[in-house]
Amino acid sequence: MPPQPPFSTTRRHDVIVIGGGSAGYAAARTARDAGADVAIVDHGPLGGLCILRGCMPTKTILRSAEIMAAMRRAPEFGIGAVAPKADLSAIVDRKNRLVREFAADRIAALRDPKFILYEARAEFLSPFEVRAGEHRLTGGAFIIATGSKVMHVPIPGLDDIGYLTSDTILDLRRQPASLLVLGGGPVAVEFGQFFARIGTKVIIVQRSTALLSEMDEDVGRELERALRDEGIEIITGAGIEEVTRNSSGKTVRVRLAGGTRRSVMAEEILHALGRCPDLDGLRLEQAGVTVSEGRPIVGPDMRTSQPHIFAVGDANDLTPVVHLAIVQGEVAGYNATHPKDAARTVDHRLDAEAVFTEPQVAVAGLSERRCREQRLPYLAAVYPFADHGKAMCLGATHGFVKLLCEPTRGELVGAQIVGPDAAELIHELIAVMYFHGTAHDLLRMPHYHPTLAEIVTFPAESIIERLERT
């Protein structure tokens, strides 16, 4: 590490937030609203992962691919055939314009005079001091919100041959003829479908036996069927052994179930094997913060092993979704400014996640897997979009709705949707869960016909019939 410049000033703040993304800004805003003197330390680029490299740019480019896919289906709806052609550079230009707009709002908020913004890299000097460029900052509380980075995975040959990541692929302007996607999580399937729809040959290699392996297996398998129907090759149960390169392209050798081996080749490789907390240069050991497997350990109040130091959002690697990162930031901001009050905690009862493929995937609350692991009794019922009138009208028949209810009064405790507008539809079910509603409530609530939303009444009816038999 090069020698650091001498300090020009020593300044004190009540709360110092390290990172100005979604979680960090939520923490800073909450602490400032409580009357604290708040500093934000962010080395840039300002805006945060969601705006710059995550939610917003990815959903922008996915929209382009959705339109292309709909145009190709024109004859199915009685419209003359259309042969759309993608211009990846123009798609990137549109994405960049929108990202600049989103980032400008966040940058203006960070530079608001109600905060003190240090555009520098933070480094802990002690549990109560950080370096921010030429400034030594002391604080009463610290909130780490440094976001995430692409995880390094020690696959033989991968570093040598080079690869794309979820960060770098967003700026790719020359469309590859073929793309080999390593991983089967949300990043892998969203980018995989995007490139397949704009004309790239896509192969997805997944170690687990199904896509979206953190969810129930039937969810991943239903998405897999839809992606295969679009021409994407999917190899599951595949352990990656080696990556090589020759004049024809990049080759990944995998070991399949039963010990057989197979080699797959593509022009480019996308490493979508996960992200991890970005703690580079933070020197948490000098703050006395306990780190395990690359992330600071936090409790439900977001405190680390040092009670005045908190870690939120991707920095703690608990729930890699933005709305929960914001909640964590708000909890940390409150607890940092109310050390003598009862601590606020994050309630994970309504945790939700969405994947913006087509069909979309959205889940909330408990899954069948978690119920089995925790030995929680439940009733589950499923209804397919293939038998739902509005979905049939839309030509969107992949997927299903699954409801999980506790087996005495039928309280809704979990929901899973694979299908059209799943990320929107899940919010009705989250609202019912928020108020501890039941399958009976879903049937009593009016649902307009014909709508996608009314599909939730069918599995609810099935659960009620089973409740009445017990």
Protein backbone atom coordinates (compact mmCIF):
# COMPACT_ATOMS: atom_id res chain seq x y z
CA MET A 1 0.00 0.00 0.00
CA PRO A 2 1.45 3.43 -0.96
CA PRO A 3 2.17 5.87 1.88
CA GLN A 4 -0.85 7.92 2.91
CA PRO A 5 -0.73 11.74 2.88
CA PRO A 6 -0.62 13.49 6.27
CA PHE A 7 -3.91 14.62 7.74
CA SER A 8 -4.89 18.20 7.04
CA THR A 9 -7.81 18.22 9.49
CA THR A 10 -9.36 16.22 12.30
CA ARG A 11 -13.14 16.43 12.43
CA ARG A 12 -15.80 14.85 14.58
CA HIS A 13 -19.29 13.75 13.57
CA ASP A 14 -22.06 12.02 15.51
CA VAL A 15 -22.58 9.39 12.80
CA ILE A 16 -20.27 8.48 9.93
CA VAL A 17 -21.82 6.49 7.08
CA ILE A 18 -19.37 4.72 4.78
CA GLY A 19 -21.02 4.37 1.40
CA GLY A 20 -23.74 6.43 -0.26
CA GLY A 21 -25.83 3.79 -2.02
CA SER A 22 -29.39 2.82 -1.16
CA ALA A 23 -28.60 1.43 2.31
CA GLY A 24 -26.09 4.13 3.17
CA TYR A 25 -28.30 7.01 2.11
CA ALA A 26 -31.26 5.56 4.04
CA ALA A 27 -29.06 5.31 7.14
CA ALA A 28 -27.73 8.85 6.73
CA ARG A 29 -31.18 10.32 6.17
CA THR A 30 -32.61 8.53 9.21
CA ALA A 31 -29.75 9.64 11.47
CA ARG A 32 -29.99 13.23 10.20
CA ASP A 33 -33.75 13.28 10.82
CA ALA A 34 -32.97 12.30 14.42
CA GLY A 35 -30.87 15.46 14.74
CA ALA A 36 -27.42 13.93 14.34
CA ASP A 37 -24.44 15.54 12.63
CA VAL A 38 -23.93 13.05 9.79
CA ALA A 39 -20.96 12.55 7.50
CA ILE A 40 -21.00 10.33 4.40
CA VAL A 41 -17.74 8.91 3.07
CA ASP A 42 -17.90 7.57 -0.49
CA HIS A 43 -14.99 7.27 -2.90
CA GLY A 44 -17.31 7.16 -5.90
CA PRO A 45 -18.60 6.93 -8.44
CA LEU A 46 -21.56 8.31 -6.52
CA GLY A 47 -24.96 6.71 -6.93
CA GLY A 48 -24.72 3.23 -5.46
CA LEU A 49 -24.84 -0.22 -7.02
CA CYS A 50 -28.61 -0.31 -7.62
CA ILE A 51 -28.52 2.83 -9.75
CA LEU A 52 -25.15 2.39 -11.44
CA ARG A 53 -24.74 -1.38 -11.94
CA GLY A 54 -27.79 -3.16 -10.58
CA CYS A 55 -31.54 -2.70 -10.54
CA MET A 56 -32.03 0.25 -12.84
CA PRO A 57 -29.61 -0.44 -15.71
CA THR A 58 -30.50 -4.13 -15.88
CA LYS A 59 -34.25 -3.50 -15.95
CA THR A 60 -33.67 -0.89 -18.66
CA ILE A 61 -31.92 -3.28 -21.02
CA LEU A 62 -34.33 -6.12 -20.22
CA ARG A 63 -37.16 -3.94 -21.50
CA SER A 64 -35.48 -3.77 -24.91
CA ALA A 65 -35.31 -7.56 -25.06
CA GLU A 66 -38.95 -7.90 -23.97
CA ILE A 67 -40.03 -5.71 -26.87
CA MET A 68 -37.97 -7.75 -29.32
CA ALA A 69 -39.48 -10.99 -28.05
CA ALA A 70 -43.01 -9.59 -28.38
CA MET A 71 -42.33 -8.41 -31.94
CA ARG A 72 -41.16 -11.88 -32.95
CA ARG A 73 -44.45 -13.31 -31.70
CA ALA A 74 -46.52 -10.96 -33.87
CA PRO A 75 -48.04 -13.71 -36.10
CA GLU A 76 -49.35 -15.50 -33.00
CA PHE A 77 -51.58 -12.47 -32.38
CA GLY A 78 -52.77 -12.03 -35.94
CA ILE A 79 -50.19 -9.39 -36.89
CA GLY A 80 -47.85 -9.54 -39.86
CA ALA A 81 -44.44 -11.05 -39.23
CA VAL A 82 -41.76 -8.71 -37.88
CA ALA A 83 -37.99 -9.33 -37.98
CA PRO A 84 -36.50 -7.01 -35.35
CA LYS A 85 -32.75 -6.47 -35.16
CA ALA A 86 -30.97 -5.46 -31.95
CA ASP A 87 -28.52 -2.59 -31.78
CA LEU A 88 -26.64 -3.33 -28.57
CA SER A 89 -24.79 -0.02 -28.68
CA ALA A 90 -28.09 1.90 -28.88
CA ILE A 91 -29.49 -0.19 -26.00
CA VAL A 92 -26.44 0.73 -23.92
CA ASP A 93 -26.86 4.41 -24.85
CA ARG A 94 -30.46 4.40 -23.62
CA LYS A 95 -29.39 2.65 -20.42
CA ASN A 96 -26.65 5.22 -19.83
CA ARG A 97 -29.05 8.15 -20.31
CA LEU A 98 -31.46 6.78 -17.72
CA VAL A 99 -28.69 5.87 -15.28
CA ARG A 100 -27.33 9.43 -15.50
CA GLU A 101 -30.78 10.76 -14.60
CA PHE A 102 -31.22 8.38 -11.67
CA ALA A 103 -27.69 9.03 -10.41
CA ALA A 104 -28.08 12.81 -10.64
CA ASP A 105 -30.93 12.70 -8.12
CA ARG A 106 -28.93 10.56 -5.69
CA ILE A 107 -25.80 12.71 -6.07
CA ALA A 108 -27.81 15.85 -5.36
CA ALA A 109 -29.20 14.21 -2.22
CA LEU A 110 -25.72 13.17 -1.02
CA ARG A 111 -24.36 16.68 -1.61
CA ASP A 112 -27.23 18.31 0.26
CA PRO A 113 -25.82 20.67 2.92
CA LYS A 114 -27.61 18.72 5.64
CA PHE A 115 -24.83 16.13 5.24
CA ILE A 116 -21.05 16.47 5.10
CA LEU A 117 -19.86 14.45 2.10
CA TYR A 118 -16.26 13.26 1.86
CA GLU A 119 -15.54 11.94 -1.63
CA ALA A 120 -12.70 9.68 -0.56
CA ARG A 121 -11.99 6.07 0.38
CA ALA A 122 -12.58 5.22 4.03
CA GLU A 123 -10.07 3.33 6.15
CA PHE A 124 -10.52 2.53 9.83
CA LEU A 125 -7.67 3.72 12.03
CA SER A 126 -9.26 2.53 15.27
CA PRO A 127 -12.77 1.63 16.47
CA PHE A 128 -13.61 5.35 16.64
CA GLU A 129 -11.55 6.83 13.78
CA VAL A 130 -11.45 6.61 10.00
CA ARG A 131 -9.27 8.18 7.37
CA ALA A 132 -11.14 9.88 4.53
CA GLY A 133 -8.47 11.15 2.16
CA GLU A 134 -6.57 13.85 4.00
CA HIS A 135 -9.12 14.01 6.82
CA ARG A 136 -9.10 12.14 10.10
CA LEU A 137 -12.71 11.63 11.16
CA THR A 138 -13.82 10.59 14.63
CA GLY A 139 -17.35 9.50 15.32
CA GLY A 140 -19.76 8.27 17.92
CA ALA A 141 -21.22 5.67 15.54
CA PHE A 142 -20.27 4.22 12.16
CA ILE A 143 -22.50 2.59 9.55
CA ILE A 144 -20.76 0.47 6.92
CA ALA A 145 -22.67 0.48 3.63
CA THR A 146 -19.94 -0.20 1.11
CA GLY A 147 -21.96 -2.45 -1.19
CA SER A 148 -20.72 -5.53 -3.00
CA LYS A 149 -18.24 -6.65 -5.62
CA VAL A 150 -18.03 -9.65 -7.92
CA MET A 151 -16.90 -12.68 -5.95
CA HIS A 152 -13.62 -14.22 -6.95
CA VAL A 153 -14.09 -17.92 -7.67
CA PRO A 154 -10.94 -20.08 -7.95
CA ILE A 155 -11.81 -21.99 -11.11
CA PRO A 156 -8.66 -23.21 -12.90
CA GLY A 157 -7.98 -21.08 -15.95
CA LEU A 158 -10.83 -18.59 -15.47
CA ASP A 159 -8.66 -15.64 -14.47
CA ASP A 160 -6.22 -16.38 -17.29
CA ILE A 161 -8.69 -16.39 -20.16
CA GLY A 162 -10.76 -13.37 -19.02
CA TYR A 163 -14.49 -13.04 -18.55
CA LEU A 164 -17.39 -10.61 -18.30
CA THR A 165 -19.15 -9.79 -15.03
CA SER A 166 -22.49 -8.23 -14.15
CA ASP A 167 -20.55 -4.94 -13.87
CA THR A 168 -18.66 -5.01 -17.16
CA ILE A 169 -21.29 -6.65 -19.38
CA LEU A 170 -23.56 -3.63 -18.97
CA ASP A 171 -21.13 -1.59 -21.09
CA LEU A 172 -20.62 -4.22 -23.77
CA ARG A 173 -21.33 -2.70 -27.19
CA ARG A 174 -20.30 -5.55 -29.49
CA GLN A 175 -22.78 -8.39 -29.27
CA PRO A 176 -21.08 -11.79 -28.90
CA ALA A 177 -22.22 -14.57 -31.18
CA SER A 178 -22.34 -16.93 -28.20
CA LEU A 179 -22.26 -16.51 -24.42
CA LEU A 180 -21.57 -19.09 -21.74
CA VAL A 181 -23.14 -18.04 -18.43
CA LEU A 182 -21.62 -19.50 -15.27
CA GLY A 183 -24.26 -19.64 -12.55
CA GLY A 184 -28.02 -20.01 -12.31
CA GLY A 185 -29.10 -17.20 -9.98
CA PRO A 186 -31.04 -14.01 -10.79
CA VAL A 187 -28.09 -12.29 -12.47
CA ALA A 188 -27.37 -15.33 -14.64
CA VAL A 189 -30.92 -15.89 -15.86
CA GLU A 190 -31.70 -12.20 -16.46
CA PHE A 191 -28.58 -11.57 -18.54
CA GLY A 192 -28.86 -14.99 -20.17
CA GLN A 193 -32.38 -14.31 -21.42
CA PHE A 194 -31.50 -10.76 -22.48
CA PHE A 195 -28.67 -11.89 -24.74
CA ALA A 196 -30.63 -14.85 -26.08
CA ARG A 197 -33.48 -12.55 -27.07
CA ILE A 198 -31.25 -10.15 -28.96
CA GLY A 199 -29.76 -13.03 -30.95
CA THR A 200 -26.80 -14.45 -29.01
CA LYS A 201 -26.53 -18.21 -28.55
CA VAL A 202 -26.66 -18.69 -24.76
CA ILE A 203 -25.61 -21.63 -22.61
CA ILE A 204 -26.22 -21.52 -18.84
CA VAL A 205 -24.10 -23.80 -16.64
CA GLN A 206 -25.43 -24.26 -13.12
CA ARG A 207 -23.89 -26.31 -10.31
CA SER A 208 -27.20 -27.02 -8.56
CA THR A 209 -29.87 -29.29 -9.97
CA ALA A 210 -32.21 -26.38 -10.77
CA LEU A 211 -32.02 -22.69 -11.55
CA LEU A 212 -32.61 -20.18 -8.72
CA SER A 213 -31.33 -22.73 -6.24
CA GLU A 214 -32.08 -20.52 -3.22
CA MET A 215 -35.81 -20.89 -3.97
CA ASP A 216 -38.07 -23.93 -4.05
CA GLU A 217 -37.03 -26.33 -6.78
CA ASP A 218 -40.34 -26.17 -8.65
CA VAL A 219 -39.82 -22.43 -9.13
CA GLY A 220 -36.43 -22.91 -10.79
CA ARG A 221 -37.64 -25.80 -12.90
CA GLU A 222 -40.62 -23.84 -14.22
CA LEU A 223 -38.35 -20.97 -15.24
CA GLU A 224 -35.97 -23.47 -16.81
CA ARG A 225 -38.76 -24.83 -19.02
CA ALA A 226 -39.59 -21.34 -20.23
CA LEU A 227 -35.97 -20.47 -21.00
CA ARG A 228 -35.44 -23.74 -22.85
CA ASP A 229 -38.51 -22.95 -24.97
CA GLU A 230 -36.71 -19.77 -26.05
CA GLY A 231 -33.70 -21.77 -27.21
CA ILE A 232 -31.40 -21.30 -24.22
CA GLU A 233 -29.31 -24.36 -23.42
CA ILE A 234 -29.25 -25.09 -19.70
CA ILE A 235 -26.86 -27.54 -18.06
CA THR A 236 -27.65 -28.23 -14.41
CA GLY A 237 -25.85 -30.38 -11.86
CA ALA A 238 -22.58 -29.33 -13.46
CA GLY A 239 -19.37 -28.79 -11.50
CA ILE A 240 -16.93 -26.55 -13.37
CA GLU A 241 -13.49 -28.15 -13.57
CA GLU A 242 -11.46 -26.00 -15.94
CA VAL A 243 -11.64 -23.08 -18.37
CA THR A 244 -9.41 -22.88 -21.46
CA ARG A 245 -9.13 -20.75 -24.56
CA ASN A 246 -8.11 -21.29 -28.17
CA SER A 247 -8.65 -19.55 -31.49
CA SER A 248 -12.23 -20.84 -31.67
CA GLY A 249 -13.35 -19.45 -28.32
CA LYS A 250 -13.48 -20.16 -24.60
CA THR A 251 -14.19 -23.66 -23.35
CA VAL A 252 -15.54 -24.77 -19.98
CA ARG A 253 -15.13 -28.38 -18.95
CA VAL A 254 -17.79 -29.58 -16.52
CA ARG A 255 -18.37 -32.73 -14.53
CA LEU A 256 -21.98 -33.90 -14.58
CA ALA A 257 -23.91 -36.11 -12.20
CA GLY A 258 -22.63 -39.65 -12.39
CA GLY A 259 -19.11 -38.49 -13.19
CA THR A 260 -19.43 -37.90 -16.93
CA ARG A 261 -17.59 -34.91 -18.37
CA ARG A 262 -18.59 -32.46 -21.05
CA SER A 263 -16.98 -29.45 -22.70
CA VAL A 264 -18.97 -26.41 -23.83
CA MET A 265 -17.60 -23.52 -25.89
CA ALA A 266 -18.64 -19.92 -26.48
CA GLU A 267 -17.14 -16.67 -27.68
CA GLU A 268 -17.52 -15.02 -24.26
CA ILE A 269 -18.05 -16.10 -20.66
CA LEU A 270 -20.21 -14.31 -18.10
CA HIS A 271 -19.14 -14.95 -14.51
CA ALA A 272 -22.45 -14.83 -12.61
CA LEU A 273 -21.37 -16.96 -9.67
CA GLY A 274 -22.18 -14.40 -7.01
CA ARG A 275 -21.11 -11.21 -5.30
CA CYS A 276 -19.66 -10.56 -1.86
CA PRO A 277 -19.26 -7.55 0.47
CA ASP A 278 -16.84 -4.94 -0.82
CA LEU A 279 -14.61 -4.35 2.20
CA ASP A 280 -11.43 -3.59 0.25
CA GLY A 281 -9.19 -1.14 2.07
CA LEU A 282 -11.63 -0.67 4.95
CA ARG A 283 -9.30 -2.46 7.42
CA LEU A 284 -12.04 -3.70 9.71
CA GLU A 285 -9.43 -5.47 11.83
CA GLN A 286 -8.30 -2.05 13.06
CA ALA A 287 -11.87 -1.35 14.15
CA GLY A 288 -12.12 -4.65 16.00
CA VAL A 289 -15.06 -5.81 13.85
CA THR A 290 -15.50 -9.57 13.58
CA VAL A 291 -15.57 -10.82 9.98
CA SER A 292 -16.57 -14.35 9.01
CA GLU A 293 -16.33 -15.74 5.48
CA GLY A 294 -15.75 -12.27 4.11
CA ARG A 295 -18.60 -10.42 5.77
CA PRO A 296 -19.05 -8.58 9.07
CA ILE A 297 -21.32 -10.48 11.42
CA VAL A 298 -24.40 -8.46 12.44
CA GLY A 299 -27.37 -9.00 14.70
CA PRO A 300 -31.01 -8.16 13.87
CA ASP A 301 -30.30 -4.59 15.04
CA MET A 302 -27.54 -4.36 12.38
CA ARG A 303 -24.80 -4.01 15.02
CA THR A 304 -21.47 -5.69 14.41
CA SER A 305 -19.26 -7.07 17.18
CA GLN A 306 -18.58 -3.42 18.00
CA PRO A 307 -21.88 -2.03 19.34
CA HIS A 308 -21.32 1.43 17.83
CA ILE A 309 -20.46 0.05 14.36
CA PHE A 310 -23.22 -1.18 12.07
CA ALA A 311 -23.16 -2.92 8.68
CA VAL A 312 -26.07 -2.74 6.24
CA GLY A 313 -27.11 -3.76 2.75
CA ASP A 314 -24.72 -5.74 0.60
CA ALA A 315 -21.95 -5.03 3.12
CA ASN A 316 -23.42 -7.64 5.45
CA ASP A 317 -24.51 -10.03 2.67
CA LEU A 318 -27.75 -11.03 4.42
CA THR A 319 -30.38 -10.13 1.84
CA PRO A 320 -29.10 -8.82 -1.52
CA VAL A 321 -32.24 -6.85 -2.41
CA VAL A 322 -32.58 -3.10 -2.32
CA HIS A 323 -35.78 -2.60 -0.35
CA LEU A 324 -34.39 -4.68 2.51
CA ALA A 325 -31.08 -2.83 2.32
CA ILE A 326 -33.05 0.40 2.80
CA VAL A 327 -34.87 -1.07 5.79
CA GLN A 328 -31.54 -2.17 7.28
CA GLY A 329 -30.15 1.33 6.74
CA GLU A 330 -33.12 2.90 8.49
CA VAL A 331 -32.81 0.48 11.41
CA ALA A 332 -29.08 1.19 11.76
CA GLY A 333 -29.62 4.95 11.47
CA TYR A 334 -32.19 4.87 14.24
CA ASN A 335 -30.18 2.62 16.54
CA ALA A 336 -27.03 4.69 16.01
CA THR A 337 -28.84 7.80 17.23
CA HIS A 338 -30.88 6.20 20.02
CA PRO A 339 -28.32 4.09 21.92
CA LYS A 340 -30.32 4.21 25.16
CA ASP A 341 -33.66 3.22 23.63
CA ALA A 342 -34.87 -0.26 22.81
CA ALA A 343 -33.16 -1.26 19.59
CA ARG A 344 -35.14 -1.56 16.39
CA THR A 345 -34.66 -4.75 14.41
CA VAL A 346 -35.33 -5.98 10.89
CA ASP A 347 -38.40 -8.19 10.59
CA HIS A 348 -37.83 -10.81 7.90
CA ARG A 349 -41.38 -12.20 7.96
CA LEU A 350 -42.23 -10.39 4.74
CA ASP A 351 -38.93 -10.82 2.90
CA ALA A 352 -39.53 -10.75 -0.84
CA GLU A 353 -37.47 -11.18 -3.98
CA ALA A 354 -38.18 -10.82 -7.69
CA VAL A 355 -36.40 -11.98 -10.82
CA PHE A 356 -37.18 -10.00 -13.98
CA THR A 357 -37.04 -12.73 -16.56
CA GLU A 358 -40.05 -13.58 -18.66
CA PRO A 359 -41.88 -15.21 -17.01
CA GLN A 360 -41.06 -13.16 -13.96
CA VAL A 361 -40.41 -14.84 -10.63
CA ALA A 362 -41.51 -13.35 -7.30
CA VAL A 363 -41.50 -14.87 -3.84
CA ALA A 364 -42.46 -13.60 -0.39
CA GLY A 365 -42.43 -14.99 3.11
CA LEU A 366 -41.78 -18.65 3.78
CA SER A 367 -40.90 -21.22 1.14
CA GLU A 368 -41.66 -24.93 1.32
CA ARG A 369 -37.96 -25.56 1.81
CA ARG A 370 -37.77 -23.27 4.83
CA CYS A 371 -40.92 -24.78 6.29
CA ARG A 372 -39.42 -28.25 6.03
CA GLU A 373 -36.07 -27.11 7.45
CA GLN A 374 -37.75 -25.40 10.40
CA ARG A 375 -40.33 -28.17 10.76
CA LEU A 376 -43.19 -25.73 10.37
CA PRO A 377 -46.53 -27.30 9.40
CA TYR A 378 -48.15 -25.79 6.31
CA LEU A 379 -50.64 -26.29 3.53
CA ALA A 380 -49.64 -25.51 -0.06
CA ALA A 381 -51.74 -25.12 -3.18
CA VAL A 382 -50.73 -24.35 -6.76
CA TYR A 383 -52.62 -23.04 -9.78
CA PRO A 384 -51.13 -22.76 -13.30
CA PHE A 385 -51.30 -19.72 -15.57
CA ALA A 386 -51.89 -22.14 -18.46
CA ASP A 387 -55.45 -22.58 -17.14
CA HIS A 388 -56.09 -18.91 -16.38
CA GLY A 389 -58.23 -16.90 -18.78
CA LYS A 390 -56.42 -13.56 -18.75
CA ALA A 391 -53.01 -15.23 -19.06
CA MET A 392 -54.29 -17.22 -22.03
CA CYS A 393 -55.52 -13.99 -23.66
CA LEU A 394 -52.05 -12.51 -23.18
CA GLY A 395 -50.29 -15.59 -24.49
CA ALA A 396 -48.43 -15.79 -21.17
CA THR A 397 -49.09 -19.31 -19.98
CA HIS A 398 -45.79 -20.33 -18.42
CA GLY A 399 -45.79 -20.52 -14.64
CA PHE A 400 -47.99 -20.83 -11.59
CA VAL A 401 -49.06 -19.26 -8.31
CA LYS A 402 -48.31 -21.14 -5.10
CA LEU A 403 -49.70 -20.19 -1.70
CA LEU A 404 -48.45 -21.47 1.65
CA CYS A 405 -50.77 -21.23 4.66
CA GLU A 406 -50.54 -22.39 8.24
CA PRO A 407 -52.88 -25.35 8.69
CA THR A 408 -55.24 -24.20 11.45
CA ARG A 409 -56.82 -20.90 10.42
CA GLY A 410 -55.26 -20.65 6.97
CA GLU A 411 -53.05 -17.60 7.57
CA LEU A 412 -50.99 -16.84 4.47
CA VAL A 413 -47.32 -17.29 5.36
CA GLY A 414 -45.67 -17.56 1.96
CA ALA A 415 -46.31 -17.01 -1.73
CA GLN A 416 -44.48 -17.83 -4.94
CA ILE A 417 -45.35 -16.69 -8.44
CA VAL A 418 -43.75 -17.67 -11.71
CA GLY A 419 -45.59 -15.90 -14.48
CA PRO A 420 -46.63 -12.64 -16.14
CA ASP A 421 -46.16 -9.53 -13.97
CA ALA A 422 -45.22 -11.69 -10.98
CA ALA A 423 -43.23 -8.84 -9.41
CA GLU A 424 -46.38 -6.71 -9.39
CA LEU A 425 -48.84 -9.45 -8.41
CA ILE A 426 -46.82 -10.51 -5.36
CA HIS A 427 -47.64 -7.22 -3.63
CA GLU A 428 -51.28 -8.15 -3.10
CA LEU A 429 -50.10 -11.26 -1.28
CA ILE A 430 -47.53 -9.28 0.73
CA ALA A 431 -50.31 -6.91 1.81
CA VAL A 432 -52.46 -9.84 2.97
CA MET A 433 -49.48 -11.31 4.84
CA TYR A 434 -48.71 -7.91 6.42
CA PHE A 435 -52.15 -7.92 8.05
CA HIS A 436 -51.92 -11.65 8.93
CA GLY A 437 -54.69 -12.36 6.44
CA THR A 438 -55.91 -15.79 5.47
CA ALA A 439 -56.91 -17.80 2.42
CA HIS A 440 -60.50 -16.86 3.34
CA ASP A 441 -59.57 -13.17 3.05
CA LEU A 442 -58.20 -13.72 -0.45
CA LEU A 443 -61.54 -15.18 -1.50
CA ARG A 444 -63.57 -12.44 0.20
CA MET A 445 -61.56 -9.64 -1.41
CA PRO A 446 -63.09 -8.55 -4.74
CA HIS A 447 -61.01 -9.37 -7.80
CA TYR A 448 -61.95 -7.81 -11.11
CA HIS A 449 -62.50 -10.16 -14.06
CA PRO A 450 -60.63 -10.76 -16.26
CA THR A 451 -57.36 -9.89 -14.56
CA LEU A 452 -54.15 -11.70 -13.77
CA ALA A 453 -54.67 -10.91 -10.08
CA GLU A 454 -57.74 -13.10 -9.75
CA ILE A 455 -55.58 -16.19 -10.20
CA VAL A 456 -54.69 -16.07 -6.49
CA THR A 457 -58.27 -17.00 -5.59
CA PHE A 458 -57.94 -20.49 -7.08
CA PRO A 459 -55.17 -21.85 -4.83
CA ALA A 460 -56.83 -20.02 -1.92
CA GLU A 461 -60.05 -21.93 -2.63
CA SER A 462 -58.13 -25.20 -2.69
CA ILE A 463 -56.58 -24.46 0.70
CA ILE A 464 -59.96 -23.59 2.20
CA GLU A 465 -61.41 -26.90 1.00
CA ARG A 466 -58.57 -28.74 2.75
CA LEU A 467 -59.02 -26.71 5.93
CA GLU A 468 -62.72 -27.63 5.99
CA ARG A 469 -61.90 -31.32 5.73
CA THR A 470 -59.64 -31.23 8.84
